[in-house]
Protein backbone atom coordinates (compact mmCIF):
# COMPACT_ATOMS: atom_id res chain seq x y z
CA MET A 1 -29.38 7.78 18.46
CA ASN A 2 -32.97 8.45 19.43
CA ASP A 3 -34.80 9.36 16.29
CA PRO A 4 -37.13 6.32 15.01
CA LEU A 5 -34.70 4.27 11.89
CA PRO A 6 -36.37 3.68 9.01
CA PRO A 7 -37.58 -0.66 8.75
CA CYS A 8 -34.93 -2.50 6.44
CA GLN A 9 -35.32 -4.61 3.67
CA LEU A 10 -32.91 -7.64 3.63
CA HIS A 11 -31.74 -9.52 0.50
CA VAL A 12 -29.57 -12.56 1.05
CA ASP A 13 -28.06 -13.35 -2.88
CA ALA A 14 -28.31 -16.88 -3.54
CA ILE A 15 -26.30 -17.29 -6.44
CA PRO A 16 -22.71 -15.29 -6.42
CA GLN A 17 -22.75 -12.89 -9.34
CA THR A 18 -20.60 -10.90 -11.94
CA GLY A 19 -18.27 -8.49 -10.09
CA GLN A 20 -20.37 -5.98 -12.84
CA ARG A 21 -23.32 -7.59 -11.58
CA ASN A 22 -22.36 -6.56 -7.74
CA MET A 23 -21.81 -3.19 -8.09
CA GLN A 24 -24.57 -2.67 -10.09
CA LEU A 25 -26.98 -3.24 -7.64
CA ASP A 26 -25.06 -1.86 -4.86
CA GLY A 27 -25.25 1.91 -7.05
CA GLU A 28 -29.23 0.84 -7.40
CA MET A 29 -29.47 0.03 -3.44
CA LEU A 30 -28.13 3.77 -3.09
CA GLN A 31 -30.36 5.39 -5.60
CA GLN A 32 -32.91 3.69 -4.26
CA VAL A 33 -32.92 4.83 -0.65
CA VAL A 34 -32.15 8.30 -2.67
CA ASP A 35 -35.48 8.09 -3.99
CA ASP A 36 -37.77 6.22 -1.57
CA GLU A 37 -36.81 7.58 1.85
CA SER A 38 -39.20 5.00 4.06
CA THR A 39 -36.76 1.85 4.17
CA SER A 40 -32.98 0.94 4.23
CA ILE A 41 -31.50 -2.00 2.46
CA VAL A 42 -28.95 -4.35 3.40
CA ARG A 43 -27.67 -7.19 0.94
CA ILE A 44 -25.40 -9.79 1.56
CA TYR A 45 -23.41 -11.42 -1.14
CA ARG A 46 -20.94 -13.83 -3.21
CA TRP A 47 -18.71 -12.90 -6.12
CA ASP A 48 -18.78 -15.73 -9.18
CA GLN A 49 -14.91 -15.70 -9.67
CA PRO A 50 -12.57 -14.02 -8.34
CA THR A 51 -12.22 -10.42 -9.05
CA VAL A 52 -10.27 -7.07 -8.17
CA SER A 53 -12.62 -4.17 -7.43
CA LEU A 54 -10.96 -0.82 -7.67
CA GLY A 55 -11.66 2.30 -5.16
CA TYR A 56 -13.51 4.96 -6.89
CA PHE A 57 -10.55 6.99 -7.06
CA GLN A 58 -8.19 4.36 -8.40
CA LYS A 59 -7.30 4.03 -12.26
CA HIS A 60 -7.20 0.63 -14.12
CA ASP A 61 -3.98 1.04 -15.59
CA GLU A 62 -2.38 1.68 -11.91
CA HIS A 63 0.60 -0.38 -10.26
CA THR A 64 -1.08 -4.04 -9.63
CA ASP A 65 0.20 -7.50 -8.13
CA PRO A 66 0.94 -9.17 -11.46
CA ARG A 67 -0.74 -12.39 -10.10
CA LEU A 68 -4.06 -10.28 -10.37
CA GLN A 69 -3.41 -9.61 -14.12
CA GLN A 70 -5.85 -11.83 -15.39
CA CYS A 71 -8.80 -11.40 -12.54
CA ASP A 72 -11.72 -9.36 -13.96
CA ARG A 73 -12.07 -5.63 -13.15
CA VAL A 74 -14.89 -3.33 -11.67
CA HIS A 75 -14.77 -0.47 -9.98
CA ARG A 76 -16.62 0.68 -7.07
CA VAL A 77 -18.83 3.95 -5.71
CA THR A 78 -16.95 3.70 -3.02
CA GLY A 79 -13.12 4.68 -2.60
CA GLY A 80 -10.32 2.96 -1.07
CA GLY A 81 -7.87 0.32 -2.08
CA ALA A 82 -8.45 -2.73 -4.47
CA ILE A 83 -9.72 -5.46 -3.15
CA LEU A 84 -9.58 -8.99 -4.03
CA HIS A 85 -12.99 -10.25 -4.21
CA ASP A 86 -12.70 -14.29 -3.68
CA ASP A 87 -13.64 -16.31 -0.90
CA GLU A 88 -15.36 -13.91 0.98
CA LEU A 89 -18.92 -12.57 2.21
CA THR A 90 -19.82 -8.91 1.03
CA TYR A 91 -22.00 -6.78 3.03
CA SER A 92 -23.93 -3.51 1.85
CA CYS A 93 -25.87 -1.81 3.43
CA ALA A 94 -27.60 1.88 2.22
CA VAL A 95 -29.71 4.11 4.35
CA PRO A 96 -31.82 7.07 3.80
CA ALA A 97 -31.57 10.79 4.34
CA VAL A 98 -33.90 10.18 7.03
CA HIS A 99 -31.46 7.78 8.85
CA PRO A 100 -30.26 9.28 12.44
CA ILE A 101 -26.74 8.54 11.47
CA ARG A 102 -26.73 10.79 8.67
CA SER A 103 -25.31 13.59 11.06
CA HIS A 104 -22.37 10.96 11.82
CA PRO A 105 -21.84 8.69 9.27
CA THR A 106 -18.71 7.66 9.79
CA GLU A 107 -20.65 6.00 12.72
CA LEU A 108 -22.14 3.51 10.32
CA TYR A 109 -18.73 2.06 10.45
CA CYS A 110 -18.44 1.47 13.81
CA ASP A 111 -22.36 0.36 13.95
CA VAL A 112 -21.87 -2.31 11.40
CA HIS A 113 -18.67 -3.40 12.15
CA SER A 114 -19.11 -3.61 16.30
CA ALA A 115 -22.18 -5.85 14.63
CA ILE A 116 -20.24 -8.15 12.96
CA VAL A 117 -17.89 -8.64 15.62
CA SER A 118 -20.06 -9.89 17.92
CA VAL A 119 -21.72 -12.30 15.24
CA LEU A 120 -17.61 -13.61 15.09
CA HIS A 121 -18.13 -14.18 18.78
CA THR A 122 -20.28 -15.97 18.56
CA CYS A 123 -19.42 -18.38 16.06
CA GLY A 124 -15.70 -18.94 17.44
CA ALA A 125 -13.73 -15.80 15.48
CA THR A 126 -12.19 -13.61 18.75
CA CYS A 127 -11.44 -10.18 17.07
CA ALA A 128 -11.88 -6.50 17.58
CA MET A 129 -11.53 -3.40 15.85
CA ARG A 130 -8.38 -2.80 14.61
CA LYS A 131 -8.77 0.87 17.05
CA ASP A 132 -9.69 -1.16 20.01
CA THR A 133 -6.06 -3.17 19.98
CA ALA A 134 -2.22 -2.99 20.47
CA PRO A 135 -1.30 0.23 17.91
CA SER A 136 0.93 -0.98 15.36
CA ALA A 137 3.86 1.00 14.10
CA VAL A 138 3.03 2.74 10.30
CA ASP A 139 5.44 4.58 8.44
CA PRO A 140 4.37 7.98 7.29
CA ASN A 141 6.58 7.92 4.66
CA ALA A 142 5.99 4.73 2.79
CA ASP A 143 4.03 4.14 0.26
CA GLU A 144 -0.30 3.27 0.50
CA PRO A 145 -0.30 -0.45 -0.56
CA PHE A 146 -2.69 -1.17 -3.70
CA LEU A 147 -4.51 -3.52 -2.03
CA CYS A 148 -7.02 -2.87 0.56
CA PHE A 149 -6.25 -5.07 2.97
CA LEU A 150 -2.28 -4.26 3.50
CA ARG A 151 -4.07 -0.73 4.67
CA ALA A 152 -4.64 0.46 8.25
CA ASP A 153 -7.63 1.63 9.27
CA PRO A 154 -8.98 2.78 12.92
CA ARG A 155 -12.03 0.84 12.01
CA ASP A 156 -11.03 -2.16 10.42
CA VAL A 157 -11.83 -5.63 12.17
CA VAL A 158 -8.54 -7.89 12.93
CA LEU A 159 -8.08 -11.21 14.06
CA GLN A 160 -4.89 -12.04 15.61
CA GLY A 161 -3.05 -8.41 13.80
CA HIS A 162 -4.42 -9.73 10.37
CA LYS A 163 -6.90 -7.52 8.72
CA ILE A 164 -10.38 -9.58 8.05
CA LEU A 165 -12.88 -7.28 7.40
CA GLY A 166 -12.95 -3.60 5.80
CA SER A 167 -15.28 -1.13 4.64
CA ALA A 168 -15.74 2.08 2.39
CA GLN A 169 -19.03 4.30 1.45
CA ARG A 170 -19.98 6.72 -0.70
CA ARG A 171 -23.15 9.33 0.27
CA ARG A 172 -25.62 10.72 -2.08
CA LYS A 173 -28.02 13.78 -1.13
CA GLY A 174 -27.62 12.97 2.65
CA ALA A 175 -28.10 8.52 1.79
CA ILE A 176 -25.02 7.05 2.67
CA LEU A 177 -24.44 3.24 0.83
CA GLN A 178 -21.36 1.04 3.12
CA HIS A 179 -20.02 -2.01 1.64
CA GLY A 180 -17.38 -4.37 3.18
CA SER A 181 -15.75 -7.23 2.59
CA ILE A 182 -15.19 -10.43 4.99
CA LEU A 183 -12.66 -12.36 4.19
CA LEU A 184 -13.25 -16.16 5.16
CA ARG A 185 -10.08 -17.71 3.82
CA HIS A 186 -6.76 -16.43 1.80
CA SER A 187 -7.41 -16.54 -2.00
CA THR A 188 -4.71 -18.85 -3.82
CA LEU A 189 -3.40 -15.55 -5.68
CA THR A 190 -2.67 -13.86 -2.55
CA PRO A 191 -1.69 -16.87 0.22
CA GLU A 192 0.29 -14.00 2.46
CA ILE A 193 -3.32 -12.38 3.01
CA PRO A 194 -4.73 -14.70 5.54
CA GLY A 195 -8.87 -15.23 6.31
CA ILE A 196 -11.09 -15.96 8.99
CA ILE A 197 -10.90 -19.78 8.99
CA ASP A 198 -6.64 -19.81 8.21
CA LEU A 199 -6.41 -18.18 11.45
CA CYS A 200 -8.98 -20.00 13.08
CA PRO A 201 -9.66 -23.90 12.31
CA ASP A 202 -12.37 -24.18 14.21
CA PHE A 203 -14.78 -21.43 13.06
CA ASP A 204 -18.18 -22.10 12.05
CA VAL A 205 -18.29 -20.61 8.73
CA VAL A 206 -22.22 -22.34 8.22
CA GLN A 207 -23.59 -20.56 11.55
CA PHE A 208 -21.90 -17.26 10.67
CA THR A 209 -23.41 -17.44 7.10
CA GLU A 210 -26.85 -17.90 8.62
CA LEU A 211 -26.66 -14.84 11.43
CA LEU A 212 -24.55 -12.19 9.85
CA PRO A 213 -27.95 -11.00 7.67
CA LYS A 214 -29.63 -10.10 10.03
CA ALA A 215 -27.16 -8.64 12.22
CA VAL A 216 -25.82 -6.39 9.78
CA ALA A 217 -29.82 -4.99 9.32
CA ARG A 218 -29.95 -5.38 13.11
CA ALA A 219 -26.94 -2.55 13.01
CA VAL A 220 -28.86 0.13 10.98
CA ALA A 221 -32.82 -0.47 12.13
CA ASN A 222 -35.27 -2.14 14.57
CA ASP A 223 -37.29 -3.58 12.19
CA ILE A 224 -36.55 -6.00 9.28
CA CYS A 225 -39.33 -6.40 6.13
């Protein structure tokens, strides 16, 4: 991209938020870059309790794992499968319609995921985007899993064959909101879905937490304000 990039506002939430508040803030980020095209926005956040977020097209009464029935539920403005947000870091980024990525919005997945992969490597977790690993067999006739981390997309980030990062988008008037979950550890509710520390016990999570915010911001902007 040769066009100039809008600077980026960077926000790191110090306190975990409710699911409803997290999704409200992400929606407000998208509207903010629609109304004001002068900057992009990146936010890093956590969840105050295990929460299931449903993709935009999923229904509250859709089949779910009975282990998750007691979890709070919220709807995302983005699509995709349900996510159990528990021991994770979540990022969101919103870029205005003047951002050059507007012409190829799916490239934002690769830009942000590549930046996060680089930080993961620095902190001791050797991972890659799924499209850069050996292909796995997928049954085209199988039902799509309810949970996003049991689904497969070429742009997922995988570690030892397990999905540890997945993202989704919503577009409005040329602006893009993208957010994604970085699975640090498995949830006690879904122990079959491992996180980074489960797969890589020497992973430096403290360093990763420190490096992640600016890495995501620099994936969408040259200047951070």
